[in-house]
Amino acid sequence: MHPFLAPWWLSPSIAYWSGQPGVAGSSHESLNGIEDSARFFLSDDLQRERAILQNHRVTWIFAYDSERVAQNSAAILNQELPLHPLCRVLDRTPGRAPHFLIFSAQTAAFKLYRVADER
């Protein structure tokens, strides 16, 4: 299994088509995963980002339209947008992603990152 982290509203279709488990989903059973996904994308703290990925054993990150992800994540968590949320870095400047996220592919809609195994 290769769990992934993506914006919650995209996770069900990615899980369906990939056959892999997502951190977030669209049902009440995945509320904790939805919150963790929102925390990850809004984070500007490397320790917090790593902890979320490790807790869910995430292999892949799907980055999407950072404005939409940031607004939605802030609404879910009922918090202000940070100045430099991770979702903006992953979407707009892949070369500035944290060292443990390896830019792997891109489509018109997504950027895909692999989580480096640093055990």
N, C-alpha and C. Protein backbone atom coordinates (compact mmCIF):
# COMPACT_ATOMS: atom_id res chain seq x y z
N MET A 1 0.84 -1.19 0.00
CA MET A 1 0.00 0.00 0.00
C MET A 1 0.88 1.24 0.00
N HIS A 2 0.39 2.26 -0.68
CA HIS A 2 1.09 3.54 -0.78
C HIS A 2 0.11 4.67 -0.48
N PRO A 3 -0.16 4.94 0.80
CA PRO A 3 -1.13 5.98 1.16
C PRO A 3 -0.75 7.35 0.59
N PHE A 4 -1.77 8.13 0.29
CA PHE A 4 -1.54 9.46 -0.26
C PHE A 4 -2.26 10.51 0.57
N LEU A 5 -1.80 11.74 0.42
CA LEU A 5 -2.45 12.89 1.05
C LEU A 5 -2.80 13.86 -0.07
N ALA A 6 -4.06 14.26 -0.12
CA ALA A 6 -4.56 15.19 -1.13
C ALA A 6 -5.66 16.02 -0.49
N PRO A 7 -6.05 17.12 -1.12
CA PRO A 7 -7.20 17.86 -0.60
C PRO A 7 -8.39 16.90 -0.43
N TRP A 8 -9.15 17.08 0.64
CA TRP A 8 -10.18 16.10 1.00
C TRP A 8 -11.20 15.85 -0.09
N TRP A 9 -11.59 16.87 -0.83
CA TRP A 9 -12.64 16.68 -1.83
C TRP A 9 -12.15 15.92 -3.05
N LEU A 10 -10.84 15.81 -3.22
CA LEU A 10 -10.28 15.05 -4.33
C LEU A 10 -9.90 13.63 -3.93
N SER A 11 -9.77 13.38 -2.65
CA SER A 11 -9.28 12.09 -2.17
C SER A 11 -10.14 10.89 -2.57
N PRO A 12 -11.47 10.97 -2.50
CA PRO A 12 -12.25 9.78 -2.87
C PRO A 12 -12.01 9.32 -4.31
N SER A 13 -11.94 10.25 -5.25
CA SER A 13 -11.73 9.82 -6.64
C SER A 13 -10.30 9.33 -6.86
N ILE A 14 -9.32 9.95 -6.19
CA ILE A 14 -7.94 9.47 -6.31
C ILE A 14 -7.84 8.06 -5.73
N ALA A 15 -8.47 7.83 -4.58
CA ALA A 15 -8.46 6.50 -3.97
C ALA A 15 -9.11 5.47 -4.89
N TYR A 16 -10.22 5.84 -5.48
CA TYR A 16 -10.93 4.93 -6.38
C TYR A 16 -10.05 4.53 -7.56
N TRP A 17 -9.49 5.52 -8.24
CA TRP A 17 -8.73 5.26 -9.46
C TRP A 17 -7.35 4.67 -9.19
N SER A 18 -6.76 4.97 -8.05
CA SER A 18 -5.41 4.46 -7.77
C SER A 18 -5.44 3.14 -6.99
N GLY A 19 -6.54 2.89 -6.30
CA GLY A 19 -6.61 1.71 -5.45
C GLY A 19 -5.80 1.85 -4.17
N GLN A 20 -5.37 3.07 -3.86
CA GLN A 20 -4.55 3.33 -2.67
C GLN A 20 -5.37 4.11 -1.64
N PRO A 21 -5.04 3.95 -0.37
CA PRO A 21 -5.78 4.67 0.67
C PRO A 21 -5.36 6.13 0.78
N GLY A 22 -6.34 6.99 1.01
CA GLY A 22 -6.08 8.40 1.22
C GLY A 22 -6.23 8.78 2.68
N VAL A 23 -5.52 9.82 3.09
CA VAL A 23 -5.63 10.31 4.47
C VAL A 23 -7.01 10.90 4.70
N ALA A 24 -7.50 11.66 3.74
CA ALA A 24 -8.79 12.34 3.87
C ALA A 24 -9.82 11.67 2.96
N GLY A 25 -11.07 11.93 3.25
CA GLY A 25 -12.16 11.42 2.43
C GLY A 25 -13.33 12.36 2.55
N SER A 26 -14.48 11.93 2.12
CA SER A 26 -15.64 12.82 2.14
C SER A 26 -16.73 12.37 3.09
N SER A 27 -16.42 11.44 3.99
CA SER A 27 -17.46 10.96 4.91
C SER A 27 -17.11 11.32 6.35
N HIS A 28 -18.10 11.14 7.22
CA HIS A 28 -17.88 11.42 8.64
C HIS A 28 -16.80 10.52 9.24
N GLU A 29 -16.54 9.37 8.63
CA GLU A 29 -15.54 8.45 9.14
C GLU A 29 -14.12 8.97 8.95
N SER A 30 -13.95 9.97 8.10
CA SER A 30 -12.60 10.46 7.82
C SER A 30 -12.40 11.90 8.28
N LEU A 31 -13.16 12.34 9.28
CA LEU A 31 -13.02 13.72 9.75
C LEU A 31 -11.62 14.02 10.27
N ASN A 32 -11.01 13.08 11.00
CA ASN A 32 -9.64 13.31 11.48
C ASN A 32 -8.67 13.44 10.32
N GLY A 33 -8.85 12.64 9.30
CA GLY A 33 -7.99 12.72 8.12
C GLY A 33 -8.19 14.02 7.37
N ILE A 34 -9.43 14.50 7.31
CA ILE A 34 -9.71 15.79 6.66
C ILE A 34 -8.99 16.90 7.42
N GLU A 35 -9.06 16.87 8.74
CA GLU A 35 -8.37 17.89 9.55
C GLU A 35 -6.86 17.80 9.38
N ASP A 36 -6.31 16.59 9.38
CA ASP A 36 -4.86 16.44 9.19
C ASP A 36 -4.42 16.92 7.82
N SER A 37 -5.22 16.64 6.81
CA SER A 37 -4.91 17.13 5.47
C SER A 37 -4.89 18.66 5.45
N ALA A 38 -5.88 19.27 6.07
CA ALA A 38 -5.94 20.73 6.13
C ALA A 38 -4.75 21.29 6.91
N ARG A 39 -4.41 20.66 8.03
CA ARG A 39 -3.25 21.10 8.83
C ARG A 39 -1.96 21.01 8.01
N PHE A 40 -1.80 19.93 7.28
CA PHE A 40 -0.60 19.74 6.46
C PHE A 40 -0.49 20.85 5.42
N PHE A 41 -1.55 21.08 4.67
CA PHE A 41 -1.48 22.06 3.59
C PHE A 41 -1.35 23.50 4.09
N LEU A 42 -1.83 23.80 5.29
CA LEU A 42 -1.69 25.15 5.84
C LEU A 42 -0.38 25.34 6.61
N SER A 43 0.30 24.27 6.91
CA SER A 43 1.46 24.34 7.79
C SER A 43 2.60 25.17 7.20
N ASP A 44 3.33 25.80 8.11
CA ASP A 44 4.60 26.42 7.76
C ASP A 44 5.67 25.94 8.73
N ASP A 45 5.45 24.73 9.26
CA ASP A 45 6.31 24.12 10.27
C ASP A 45 6.74 22.73 9.80
N LEU A 46 8.02 22.55 9.49
CA LEU A 46 8.52 21.28 8.96
C LEU A 46 8.27 20.11 9.91
N GLN A 47 8.40 20.33 11.20
CA GLN A 47 8.18 19.26 12.18
C GLN A 47 6.73 18.76 12.13
N ARG A 48 5.79 19.69 12.05
CA ARG A 48 4.38 19.32 11.99
C ARG A 48 4.08 18.56 10.69
N GLU A 49 4.62 19.05 9.60
CA GLU A 49 4.40 18.40 8.30
C GLU A 49 4.92 16.96 8.33
N ARG A 50 6.15 16.77 8.82
CA ARG A 50 6.73 15.42 8.90
C ARG A 50 5.88 14.52 9.79
N ALA A 51 5.43 15.04 10.92
CA ALA A 51 4.65 14.23 11.85
C ALA A 51 3.35 13.74 11.21
N ILE A 52 2.67 14.60 10.50
CA ILE A 52 1.42 14.20 9.83
C ILE A 52 1.71 13.10 8.82
N LEU A 53 2.74 13.27 8.02
CA LEU A 53 3.08 12.26 7.01
C LEU A 53 3.47 10.94 7.66
N GLN A 54 4.25 10.98 8.72
CA GLN A 54 4.67 9.76 9.40
C GLN A 54 3.49 9.07 10.09
N ASN A 55 2.62 9.84 10.73
CA ASN A 55 1.47 9.25 11.42
C ASN A 55 0.56 8.48 10.48
N HIS A 56 0.47 8.94 9.25
CA HIS A 56 -0.41 8.29 8.27
C HIS A 56 0.36 7.43 7.27
N ARG A 57 1.68 7.32 7.45
CA ARG A 57 2.54 6.53 6.55
C ARG A 57 2.35 6.93 5.09
N VAL A 58 2.31 8.22 4.85
CA VAL A 58 2.05 8.76 3.51
C VAL A 58 3.25 8.53 2.60
N THR A 59 2.97 8.09 1.37
CA THR A 59 3.98 7.91 0.34
C THR A 59 3.91 9.01 -0.70
N TRP A 60 2.70 9.48 -1.02
CA TRP A 60 2.50 10.45 -2.10
C TRP A 60 1.69 11.65 -1.62
N ILE A 61 2.04 12.83 -2.15
CA ILE A 61 1.30 14.07 -1.89
C ILE A 61 0.79 14.60 -3.23
N PHE A 62 -0.48 14.91 -3.29
CA PHE A 62 -1.07 15.57 -4.46
C PHE A 62 -1.27 17.04 -4.12
N ALA A 63 -0.52 17.91 -4.78
CA ALA A 63 -0.69 19.36 -4.59
C ALA A 63 -1.64 19.86 -5.66
N TYR A 64 -2.50 20.78 -5.27
CA TYR A 64 -3.55 21.29 -6.14
C TYR A 64 -3.60 22.80 -5.99
N ASP A 65 -4.48 23.46 -6.70
CA ASP A 65 -4.65 24.92 -6.68
C ASP A 65 -4.53 25.46 -5.26
N SER A 66 -3.42 26.13 -4.99
CA SER A 66 -3.11 26.53 -3.62
C SER A 66 -4.10 27.52 -3.02
N GLU A 67 -4.67 28.38 -3.82
CA GLU A 67 -5.65 29.34 -3.27
C GLU A 67 -6.88 28.60 -2.77
N ARG A 68 -7.37 27.68 -3.57
CA ARG A 68 -8.55 26.92 -3.16
C ARG A 68 -8.25 26.03 -1.95
N VAL A 69 -7.10 25.37 -1.98
CA VAL A 69 -6.72 24.49 -0.86
C VAL A 69 -6.55 25.30 0.42
N ALA A 70 -5.89 26.45 0.33
CA ALA A 70 -5.66 27.28 1.52
C ALA A 70 -6.97 27.80 2.10
N GLN A 71 -7.83 28.32 1.25
CA GLN A 71 -9.12 28.85 1.73
C GLN A 71 -9.96 27.75 2.37
N ASN A 72 -10.04 26.60 1.72
CA ASN A 72 -10.83 25.50 2.22
C ASN A 72 -10.26 24.97 3.53
N SER A 73 -8.94 24.82 3.59
CA SER A 73 -8.29 24.31 4.81
C SER A 73 -8.47 25.27 5.98
N ALA A 74 -8.33 26.56 5.73
CA ALA A 74 -8.52 27.55 6.79
C ALA A 74 -9.96 27.51 7.31
N ALA A 75 -10.92 27.34 6.41
CA ALA A 75 -12.32 27.25 6.83
C ALA A 75 -12.56 26.00 7.68
N ILE A 76 -12.00 24.87 7.27
CA ILE A 76 -12.17 23.63 8.03
C ILE A 76 -11.62 23.78 9.45
N LEU A 77 -10.45 24.40 9.57
CA LEU A 77 -9.78 24.52 10.86
C LEU A 77 -10.18 25.78 11.62
N ASN A 78 -10.99 26.63 10.98
CA ASN A 78 -11.43 27.89 11.58
C ASN A 78 -10.23 28.71 12.06
N GLN A 79 -9.29 28.91 11.14
CA GLN A 79 -8.10 29.69 11.49
C GLN A 79 -7.70 30.60 10.33
N GLU A 80 -6.87 31.56 10.65
CA GLU A 80 -6.37 32.50 9.64
C GLU A 80 -5.37 31.79 8.72
N LEU A 81 -5.24 32.32 7.51
CA LEU A 81 -4.24 31.80 6.60
C LEU A 81 -2.85 32.26 7.04
N PRO A 82 -1.89 31.34 7.11
CA PRO A 82 -0.52 31.77 7.40
C PRO A 82 0.06 32.49 6.17
N LEU A 83 1.15 33.21 6.37
CA LEU A 83 1.77 33.94 5.26
C LEU A 83 2.31 33.01 4.18
N HIS A 84 2.90 31.88 4.59
CA HIS A 84 3.54 30.98 3.64
C HIS A 84 3.09 29.53 3.87
N PRO A 85 1.83 29.22 3.56
CA PRO A 85 1.37 27.85 3.77
C PRO A 85 2.06 26.89 2.81
N LEU A 86 2.25 25.67 3.25
CA LEU A 86 2.91 24.66 2.43
C LEU A 86 2.21 24.45 1.10
N CYS A 87 0.89 24.53 1.07
CA CYS A 87 0.17 24.30 -0.19
C CYS A 87 0.61 25.28 -1.27
N ARG A 88 0.94 26.50 -0.89
CA ARG A 88 1.39 27.50 -1.87
C ARG A 88 2.77 27.14 -2.41
N VAL A 89 3.66 26.69 -1.53
CA VAL A 89 5.00 26.27 -1.96
C VAL A 89 4.90 25.09 -2.92
N LEU A 90 4.13 24.08 -2.54
CA LEU A 90 4.01 22.88 -3.37
C LEU A 90 3.39 23.18 -4.73
N ASP A 91 2.43 24.08 -4.76
CA ASP A 91 1.73 24.41 -6.00
C ASP A 91 2.55 25.33 -6.90
N ARG A 92 3.17 26.35 -6.33
CA ARG A 92 3.79 27.40 -7.14
C ARG A 92 5.30 27.31 -7.29
N THR A 93 5.98 26.76 -6.30
CA THR A 93 7.45 26.73 -6.34
C THR A 93 7.97 25.36 -5.87
N PRO A 94 7.81 24.33 -6.69
CA PRO A 94 8.22 22.98 -6.29
C PRO A 94 9.68 22.87 -5.86
N GLY A 95 10.54 23.70 -6.42
CA GLY A 95 11.95 23.66 -6.05
C GLY A 95 12.21 24.11 -4.62
N ARG A 96 11.24 24.73 -3.99
CA ARG A 96 11.39 25.20 -2.60
C ARG A 96 10.65 24.29 -1.61
N ALA A 97 10.20 23.13 -2.09
CA ALA A 97 9.51 22.18 -1.21
C ALA A 97 10.48 21.66 -0.15
N PRO A 98 9.96 21.24 0.99
CA PRO A 98 10.84 20.65 2.01
C PRO A 98 11.65 19.50 1.42
N HIS A 99 12.85 19.30 1.96
CA HIS A 99 13.78 18.30 1.42
C HIS A 99 13.21 16.88 1.41
N PHE A 100 12.25 16.59 2.24
CA PHE A 100 11.69 15.24 2.31
C PHE A 100 10.54 15.02 1.32
N LEU A 101 10.22 16.03 0.50
CA LEU A 101 9.21 15.89 -0.54
C LEU A 101 9.89 16.01 -1.90
N ILE A 102 9.84 14.94 -2.68
CA ILE A 102 10.52 14.87 -3.96
C ILE A 102 9.51 15.11 -5.08
N PHE A 103 9.70 16.21 -5.81
CA PHE A 103 8.81 16.52 -6.94
C PHE A 103 8.94 15.40 -7.96
N SER A 104 7.81 14.78 -8.33
CA SER A 104 7.85 13.58 -9.16
C SER A 104 7.12 13.68 -10.48
N ALA A 105 6.04 14.45 -10.54
CA ALA A 105 5.26 14.55 -11.78
C ALA A 105 4.35 15.76 -11.70
N GLN A 106 3.83 16.12 -12.88
CA GLN A 106 2.94 17.27 -12.96
C GLN A 106 1.95 17.06 -14.09
N THR A 107 0.70 17.48 -13.85
CA THR A 107 -0.31 17.55 -14.90
C THR A 107 -0.80 18.99 -14.93
N ALA A 108 -1.79 19.26 -15.74
CA ALA A 108 -2.36 20.62 -15.77
C ALA A 108 -3.01 20.97 -14.43
N ALA A 109 -3.46 19.98 -13.68
CA ALA A 109 -4.17 20.24 -12.43
C ALA A 109 -3.34 19.98 -11.17
N PHE A 110 -2.47 18.99 -11.19
CA PHE A 110 -1.77 18.54 -9.99
C PHE A 110 -0.27 18.60 -10.12
N LYS A 111 0.37 18.63 -8.97
CA LYS A 111 1.79 18.32 -8.85
C LYS A 111 1.86 17.16 -7.87
N LEU A 112 2.70 16.19 -8.18
CA LEU A 112 2.82 14.99 -7.37
C LEU A 112 4.20 14.96 -6.72
N TYR A 113 4.21 14.70 -5.42
CA TYR A 113 5.45 14.61 -4.66
C TYR A 113 5.52 13.24 -3.99
N ARG A 114 6.71 12.67 -3.98
CA ARG A 114 6.96 11.42 -3.25
C ARG A 114 7.61 11.79 -1.92
N VAL A 115 7.17 11.14 -0.86
CA VAL A 115 7.76 11.38 0.45
C VAL A 115 9.03 10.54 0.55
N ALA A 116 10.16 11.20 0.80
CA ALA A 116 11.44 10.50 0.92
C ALA A 116 11.44 9.64 2.17
N ASP A 117 11.92 8.42 2.03
CA ASP A 117 12.03 7.51 3.17
C ASP A 117 13.36 7.78 3.86
N GLU A 118 13.29 8.38 5.05
CA GLU A 118 14.50 8.77 5.77
C GLU A 118 14.67 7.99 7.06
N ARG A 119 14.37 6.73 7.03
CA ARG A 119 14.48 5.92 8.25
C ARG A 119 15.90 5.60 8.57
